């Protein structure tokens, strides 16, 4: 009789313990990162090495786009890469059209993580994976060892560097170059 009481109480104890644990997402493991809480525009603004890019986004009038629905992947040139092409000049009022053109050459539709890019490269084989930008140009992704190389149609190249940033409306992939040849 005593064992029967214990068996009857066990489900009640389990329910009580579950209630103490709070709301848990059964689909998320303990090691997963929480979902992103910032838009692309806010995430670009929150990174020290993307100050020049942030000013160019604002000058081009694309802040609202990068704060909007998406999803987009922004291949984000670091400050040093922007300085090498005179990127600060693109933040001036007279350069709005050039700023917008430069940015469209660095944005592809969809949210592409490094894993997605590596999977596409593996599936594409030796020719590399190609993705079309918002400027209607093709970017080709290849590997040099473990490094992802991005090549624009005009031959400009960059490497994916640093950590990607997931945003509510896309992904920021930092790069060490500009995907448009200067001049």
Protein backbone atom coordinates (compact mmCIF):
# COMPACT_ATOMS: atom_id res chain seq x y z
CA UNK A 1 0.00 0.00 0.00
CA UNK A 2 2.84 2.33 0.85
CA UNK A 3 4.46 1.81 -2.59
CA UNK A 4 1.15 2.58 -4.25
CA UNK A 5 1.00 5.97 -2.48
CA UNK A 6 4.52 6.81 -3.69
CA UNK A 7 3.63 5.90 -7.25
CA UNK A 8 0.55 8.12 -7.10
CA UNK A 9 2.52 11.08 -5.69
CA UNK A 10 5.35 10.91 -8.26
CA UNK A 11 3.43 12.60 -11.12
CA UNK A 12 2.37 15.42 -8.78
CA UNK A 13 5.97 16.00 -7.70
CA UNK A 14 7.14 16.12 -11.31
CA UNK A 15 4.44 18.69 -12.16
CA UNK A 16 5.40 20.76 -9.14
CA UNK A 17 9.08 20.76 -10.05
CA UNK A 18 8.30 21.67 -13.65
CA UNK A 19 6.25 24.65 -12.47
CA UNK A 20 9.22 25.91 -10.42
CA UNK A 21 11.50 25.83 -13.44
CA UNK A 22 9.76 28.68 -15.25
CA UNK A 23 8.99 28.87 -18.95
CA UNK A 24 11.42 26.79 -20.97
CA UNK A 25 11.69 26.53 -24.73
CA UNK A 26 11.82 22.80 -25.41
CA UNK A 27 13.34 23.41 -28.87
CA UNK A 28 16.32 25.39 -27.57
CA UNK A 29 19.31 23.73 -25.95
CA UNK A 30 21.17 25.24 -23.04
CA UNK A 31 24.18 26.05 -25.25
CA UNK A 32 22.27 27.97 -27.94
CA UNK A 33 22.60 31.72 -27.98
CA UNK A 34 19.45 33.75 -27.37
CA UNK A 35 17.74 35.05 -30.48
CA UNK A 36 19.13 38.33 -31.83
CA UNK A 37 17.48 41.49 -30.55
CA UNK A 38 18.95 44.18 -32.83
CA UNK A 39 18.37 45.05 -36.46
CA UNK A 40 21.21 45.21 -38.97
CA UNK A 41 21.29 49.01 -38.68
CA UNK A 42 21.59 48.89 -34.88
CA UNK A 43 24.17 46.09 -34.99
CA UNK A 44 26.36 48.01 -37.46
CA UNK A 45 26.09 51.04 -35.20
CA UNK A 46 27.10 48.95 -32.20
CA UNK A 47 30.42 47.74 -33.64
CA UNK A 48 33.54 49.86 -33.19
CA UNK A 49 35.21 48.66 -36.38
CA UNK A 50 32.24 49.64 -38.58
CA UNK A 51 32.04 53.38 -37.81
CA UNK A 52 32.77 54.42 -41.38
CA UNK A 53 30.24 51.94 -42.75
CA UNK A 54 27.63 53.28 -40.32
CA UNK A 55 28.18 56.85 -41.57
CA UNK A 56 27.95 55.69 -45.21
CA UNK A 57 24.71 53.80 -44.49
CA UNK A 58 23.23 56.96 -42.98
CA UNK A 59 24.44 59.15 -45.85
CA UNK A 60 23.02 56.76 -48.44
CA UNK A 61 19.63 56.86 -46.74
CA UNK A 62 19.68 53.10 -46.16
CA UNK A 63 19.37 53.11 -42.37
CA UNK A 64 15.63 52.49 -42.63
CA UNK A 65 16.18 49.60 -45.04
CA UNK A 66 18.69 47.96 -42.70
CA UNK A 67 16.33 48.56 -39.78
CA UNK A 68 13.42 47.09 -41.75
CA UNK A 69 12.13 43.67 -42.55
CA UNK A 70 14.91 41.98 -44.56
CA UNK A 71 16.46 39.53 -44.37
CA UNK A 72 19.78 40.69 -45.79
CA UNK A 73 23.39 39.72 -45.42
CA UNK A 74 25.75 42.68 -45.24
CA UNK A 75 29.38 42.01 -46.14
CA UNK A 76 30.70 44.79 -43.92
CA UNK A 77 34.10 46.34 -44.72
CA UNK A 78 36.02 47.25 -41.58
CA UNK A 79 37.20 50.83 -40.98
CA UNK A 80 40.70 50.06 -42.31
CA UNK A 81 39.30 48.71 -45.59
CA UNK A 82 37.07 51.77 -45.98
CA UNK A 83 39.98 54.11 -45.22
CA UNK A 84 42.03 52.46 -47.98
CA UNK A 85 39.48 53.63 -50.57
CA UNK A 86 38.74 57.01 -48.98
CA UNK A 87 35.52 55.79 -47.39
CA UNK A 88 35.17 58.88 -45.22
CA UNK A 89 34.61 60.87 -48.40
CA UNK A 90 31.53 58.74 -49.11
CA UNK A 91 29.86 60.08 -45.98
CA UNK A 92 29.46 63.56 -47.51
CA UNK A 93 26.19 64.88 -48.98
CA UNK A 94 27.61 65.08 -52.50
CA UNK A 95 28.32 61.33 -52.44
CA UNK A 96 24.86 59.93 -51.62
CA UNK A 97 24.50 58.05 -54.92
CA UNK A 98 28.02 56.60 -54.69
CA UNK A 99 27.38 55.59 -51.07
CA UNK A 100 24.18 53.77 -52.01
CA UNK A 101 25.91 52.01 -54.94
CA UNK A 102 28.78 50.88 -52.72
CA UNK A 103 26.39 49.50 -50.11
CA UNK A 104 24.22 47.65 -52.65
CA UNK A 105 27.41 45.91 -53.86
CA UNK A 106 27.93 44.59 -50.30
CA UNK A 107 24.40 43.34 -49.57
CA UNK A 108 22.80 40.08 -50.69
CA UNK A 109 19.20 39.09 -50.05
CA UNK A 110 18.68 36.47 -47.35
CA UNK A 111 20.37 35.74 -44.05
CA UNK A 112 23.59 33.83 -44.75
CA UNK A 113 25.62 32.50 -41.87
CA UNK A 114 29.21 31.29 -42.26
CA UNK A 115 27.85 27.77 -42.16
CA UNK A 116 25.48 28.58 -45.04
CA UNK A 117 28.32 30.07 -47.08
CA UNK A 118 30.64 27.12 -46.39
CA UNK A 119 27.87 24.68 -47.35
CA UNK A 120 27.27 26.58 -50.61
CA UNK A 121 31.00 26.53 -51.42
CA UNK A 122 31.19 22.79 -50.76
CA UNK A 123 28.15 22.14 -52.95
CA UNK A 124 29.43 24.36 -55.78
CA UNK A 125 32.82 22.68 -56.07
CA UNK A 126 36.00 24.21 -57.44
CA UNK A 127 34.31 27.15 -59.19
CA UNK A 128 32.99 28.52 -55.92
CA UNK A 129 29.51 29.56 -54.89
CA UNK A 130 27.97 32.62 -56.48
CA UNK A 131 25.45 35.00 -54.97
CA UNK A 132 23.82 38.05 -56.51
CA UNK A 133 24.05 41.39 -54.71
CA UNK A 134 21.43 44.11 -54.46
CA UNK A 135 23.48 45.91 -57.16
CA UNK A 136 22.81 42.90 -59.46
CA UNK A 137 26.49 41.88 -59.44
CA UNK A 138 27.79 38.41 -58.70
CA UNK A 139 29.97 37.65 -55.71
CA UNK A 140 31.98 34.43 -55.88
CA UNK A 141 32.87 32.65 -52.65
CA UNK A 142 35.85 30.30 -52.53
CA UNK A 143 38.13 28.84 -49.88
CA UNK A 144 41.82 29.49 -49.34
CA UNK A 145 42.55 26.89 -46.70
CA UNK A 146 40.00 27.68 -43.98
CA UNK A 147 39.50 31.30 -45.09
CA UNK A 148 36.48 32.34 -47.14
CA UNK A 149 37.45 34.64 -50.02
CA UNK A 150 34.83 36.86 -51.65
CA UNK A 151 35.50 38.09 -55.19
CA UNK A 152 33.39 40.68 -56.99
CA UNK A 153 32.83 40.67 -60.77
CA UNK A 154 35.36 43.49 -61.20
CA UNK A 155 38.05 41.43 -59.42
CA UNK A 156 37.92 43.17 -56.03
CA UNK A 157 38.48 40.66 -53.23
CA UNK A 158 38.04 40.45 -49.48
CA UNK A 159 38.27 37.81 -46.79
CA UNK A 160 35.59 37.06 -44.24
CA UNK A 161 37.10 38.05 -40.90
CA UNK A 162 36.01 38.24 -37.29
CA UNK A 163 32.74 36.93 -35.99
CA UNK A 164 29.45 37.21 -37.81
CA UNK A 165 26.67 39.11 -36.10
CA UNK A 166 23.13 37.79 -36.24
CA UNK A 167 20.44 40.44 -36.36
CA UNK A 168 16.66 40.24 -36.30
CA UNK A 169 16.60 40.96 -40.03
CA UNK A 170 19.80 39.39 -41.31
CA UNK A 171 23.49 38.78 -40.77
CA UNK A 172 26.59 40.98 -40.74
CA UNK A 173 29.68 39.27 -42.18
CA UNK A 174 32.78 41.41 -41.51
CA UNK A 175 35.29 41.58 -44.37
CA UNK A 176 38.79 43.01 -44.72
CA UNK A 177 38.30 44.67 -48.10
CA UNK A 178 35.86 46.56 -50.26
CA UNK A 179 34.03 44.64 -52.98
CA UNK A 180 34.21 47.43 -55.54
CA UNK A 181 37.43 48.57 -57.16
CA UNK A 182 38.26 52.18 -56.48
CA UNK A 183 38.73 54.52 -59.39
